[in-house]
Amino acid sequence: MEGDPKTVAFPGKDRAAPPRSRIPGASSEDIAMSKADIAPPTLSDRMKTVKAAWDKAPSGPKKDIAHKHYVAAGKAMGEKKDQDVIRELDAAVKALG
């Protein structure tokens, strides 16, 4: 195989390594991700998610407790107290669970 152009070979193997970042059927645009694609959800996104879960929950004391936490999270969000928002949303999710 002298003179043949080779790609990087696996150590101890006589075959070429597969191309990197190749997923069958995917183009490079499909694979490329920006920081925005992998960013954690914003507090607004979390509020919407908790609200959707609360809307789907059956009526009862758990839903009432979750609503109190959701309202408190909304108030904390208005006051720009991010840690309080997170704490209240977590408590709302726990109440629904």
C-alpha atoms as a PDB file:
ATOM      1  CA  MET A   1       0.000   0.000   0.000  1.00  0.00           C
ATOM      2  CA  GLU A   2       2.922   2.312  -0.625  1.00  0.00           C
ATOM      3  CA  GLY A   3       1.959   5.662  -2.072  1.00  0.00           C
ATOM      4  CA  ASP A   4      -1.716   5.388  -1.130  1.00  0.00           C
ATOM      5  CA  PRO A   5      -2.991   8.463   0.725  1.00  0.00           C
ATOM      6  CA  LYS A   6      -4.087   7.365   4.171  1.00  0.00           C
ATOM      7  CA  THR A   7      -6.189   8.897   6.845  1.00  0.00           C
ATOM      8  CA  VAL A   8      -5.330   8.478  10.497  1.00  0.00           C
ATOM      9  CA  ALA A   9      -5.152   4.771  11.262  1.00  0.00           C
ATOM     10  CA  PHE A  10      -6.161   3.059  14.458  1.00  0.00           C
ATOM     11  CA  PRO A  11      -3.089   1.935  16.402  1.00  0.00           C
ATOM     12  CA  GLY A  12      -2.290  -1.661  15.494  1.00  0.00           C
ATOM     13  CA  LYS A  13      -4.927  -1.800  12.770  1.00  0.00           C
ATOM     14  CA  ASP A  14      -4.522  -1.761   9.040  1.00  0.00           C
ATOM     15  CA  ARG A  15      -7.786   0.047   8.353  1.00  0.00           C
ATOM     16  CA  ALA A  16      -8.417   3.770   8.360  1.00  0.00           C
ATOM     17  CA  ALA A  17     -10.235   5.553  11.143  1.00  0.00           C
ATOM     18  CA  PRO A  18     -13.800   6.611  10.405  1.00  0.00           C
ATOM     19  CA  PRO A  19     -14.266  10.310   9.749  1.00  0.00           C
ATOM     20  CA  ARG A  20     -14.810  12.325  12.910  1.00  0.00           C
ATOM     21  CA  SER A  21     -18.215  13.765  13.754  1.00  0.00           C
ATOM     22  CA  ARG A  22     -20.024  11.706  11.167  1.00  0.00           C
ATOM     23  CA  ILE A  23     -23.521  10.676  12.024  1.00  0.00           C
ATOM     24  CA  PRO A  24     -25.325   8.730   9.302  1.00  0.00           C
ATOM     25  CA  GLY A  25     -27.877  10.958   7.614  1.00  0.00           C
ATOM     26  CA  ALA A  26     -26.783  14.150   9.395  1.00  0.00           C
ATOM     27  CA  SER A  27     -25.150  17.142   7.799  1.00  0.00           C
ATOM     28  CA  SER A  28     -22.565  19.333   9.499  1.00  0.00           C
ATOM     29  CA  GLU A  29     -25.301  21.935  10.034  1.00  0.00           C
ATOM     30  CA  ASP A  30     -27.348  19.367  11.957  1.00  0.00           C
ATOM     31  CA  ILE A  31     -24.410  18.543  14.198  1.00  0.00           C
ATOM     32  CA  ALA A  32     -23.165  22.079  14.830  1.00  0.00           C
ATOM     33  CA  MET A  33     -24.433  23.554  18.093  1.00  0.00           C
ATOM     34  CA  SER A  34     -24.037  27.021  19.439  1.00  0.00           C
ATOM     35  CA  LYS A  35     -23.950  28.066  23.074  1.00  0.00           C
ATOM     36  CA  ALA A  36     -27.555  29.219  22.695  1.00  0.00           C
ATOM     37  CA  ASP A  37     -28.579  25.660  21.788  1.00  0.00           C
ATOM     38  CA  ILE A  38     -27.181  24.228  25.010  1.00  0.00           C
ATOM     39  CA  ALA A  39     -27.855  27.125  27.372  1.00  0.00           C
ATOM     40  CA  PRO A  40     -29.840  26.315  30.511  1.00  0.00           C
ATOM     41  CA  PRO A  41     -33.455  27.447  30.537  1.00  0.00           C
ATOM     42  CA  THR A  42     -34.110  30.994  31.636  1.00  0.00           C
ATOM     43  CA  LEU A  43     -36.226  31.776  34.669  1.00  0.00           C
ATOM     44  CA  SER A  44     -39.045  32.795  32.334  1.00  0.00           C
ATOM     45  CA  ASP A  45     -38.844  29.382  30.660  1.00  0.00           C
ATOM     46  CA  ARG A  46     -38.942  27.664  34.041  1.00  0.00           C
ATOM     47  CA  MET A  47     -41.957  29.782  35.055  1.00  0.00           C
ATOM     48  CA  LYS A  48     -43.782  28.706  31.876  1.00  0.00           C
ATOM     49  CA  THR A  49     -42.914  25.055  32.468  1.00  0.00           C
ATOM     50  CA  VAL A  50     -44.144  25.108  36.057  1.00  0.00           C
ATOM     51  CA  LYS A  51     -47.308  26.954  35.001  1.00  0.00           C
ATOM     52  CA  ALA A  52     -48.000  24.294  32.356  1.00  0.00           C
ATOM     53  CA  ALA A  53     -47.496  21.525  34.927  1.00  0.00           C
ATOM     54  CA  TRP A  54     -49.741  23.357  37.373  1.00  0.00           C
ATOM     55  CA  ASP A  55     -52.464  23.756  34.703  1.00  0.00           C
ATOM     56  CA  LYS A  56     -52.406  19.993  34.024  1.00  0.00           C
ATOM     57  CA  ALA A  57     -52.476  18.979  37.689  1.00  0.00           C
ATOM     58  CA  PRO A  58     -55.742  17.759  39.207  1.00  0.00           C
ATOM     59  CA  SER A  59     -57.479  20.021  41.706  1.00  0.00           C
ATOM     60  CA  GLY A  60     -56.608  19.494  45.325  1.00  0.00           C
ATOM     61  CA  PRO A  61     -54.357  20.603  48.168  1.00  0.00           C
ATOM     62  CA  LYS A  62     -51.140  19.857  46.252  1.00  0.00           C
ATOM     63  CA  LYS A  63     -52.238  22.132  43.424  1.00  0.00           C
ATOM     64  CA  ASP A  64     -53.162  24.872  45.916  1.00  0.00           C
ATOM     65  CA  ILE A  65     -49.736  24.703  47.587  1.00  0.00           C
ATOM     66  CA  ALA A  66     -47.996  24.718  44.194  1.00  0.00           C
ATOM     67  CA  HIS A  67     -50.009  27.803  43.195  1.00  0.00           C
ATOM     68  CA  LYS A  68     -48.873  29.663  46.311  1.00  0.00           C
ATOM     69  CA  HIS A  69     -45.246  28.892  45.446  1.00  0.00           C
ATOM     70  CA  TYR A  70     -45.811  29.889  41.814  1.00  0.00           C
ATOM     71  CA  VAL A  71     -47.273  33.244  42.855  1.00  0.00           C
ATOM     72  CA  ALA A  72     -44.359  33.798  45.252  1.00  0.00           C
ATOM     73  CA  ALA A  73     -41.944  33.001  42.394  1.00  0.00           C
ATOM     74  CA  GLY A  74     -43.679  35.587  40.207  1.00  0.00           C
ATOM     75  CA  LYS A  75     -43.370  38.176  42.953  1.00  0.00           C
ATOM     76  CA  ALA A  76     -39.671  37.344  43.468  1.00  0.00           C
ATOM     77  CA  MET A  77     -39.115  37.581  39.728  1.00  0.00           C
ATOM     78  CA  GLY A  78     -40.576  41.077  39.726  1.00  0.00           C
ATOM     79  CA  GLU A  79     -38.181  42.007  42.508  1.00  0.00           C
ATOM     80  CA  LYS A  80     -35.273  40.449  40.539  1.00  0.00           C
ATOM     81  CA  LYS A  81     -34.481  37.963  43.306  1.00  0.00           C
ATOM     82  CA  ASP A  82     -33.349  35.059  41.147  1.00  0.00           C
ATOM     83  CA  GLN A  83     -32.469  32.690  43.982  1.00  0.00           C
ATOM     84  CA  ASP A  84     -35.922  33.180  45.521  1.00  0.00           C
ATOM     85  CA  VAL A  85     -37.535  32.482  42.144  1.00  0.00           C
ATOM     86  CA  ILE A  86     -35.587  29.246  41.795  1.00  0.00           C
ATOM     87  CA  ARG A  87     -36.399  28.183  45.357  1.00  0.00           C
ATOM     88  CA  GLU A  88     -40.131  28.868  44.919  1.00  0.00           C
ATOM     89  CA  LEU A  89     -40.322  27.111  41.549  1.00  0.00           C
ATOM     90  CA  ASP A  90     -38.547  24.084  42.987  1.00  0.00           C
ATOM     91  CA  ALA A  91     -41.022  24.068  45.867  1.00  0.00           C
ATOM     92  CA  ALA A  92     -43.939  24.291  43.412  1.00  0.00           C
ATOM     93  CA  VAL A  93     -42.625  21.323  41.425  1.00  0.00           C
ATOM     94  CA  LYS A  94     -42.102  19.355  44.623  1.00  0.00           C
ATOM     95  CA  ALA A  95     -45.661  20.141  45.740  1.00  0.00           C
ATOM     96  CA  LEU A  96     -47.047  18.880  42.420  1.00  0.00           C
ATOM     97  CA  GLY A  97     -44.937  15.716  42.538  1.00  0.00           C
END
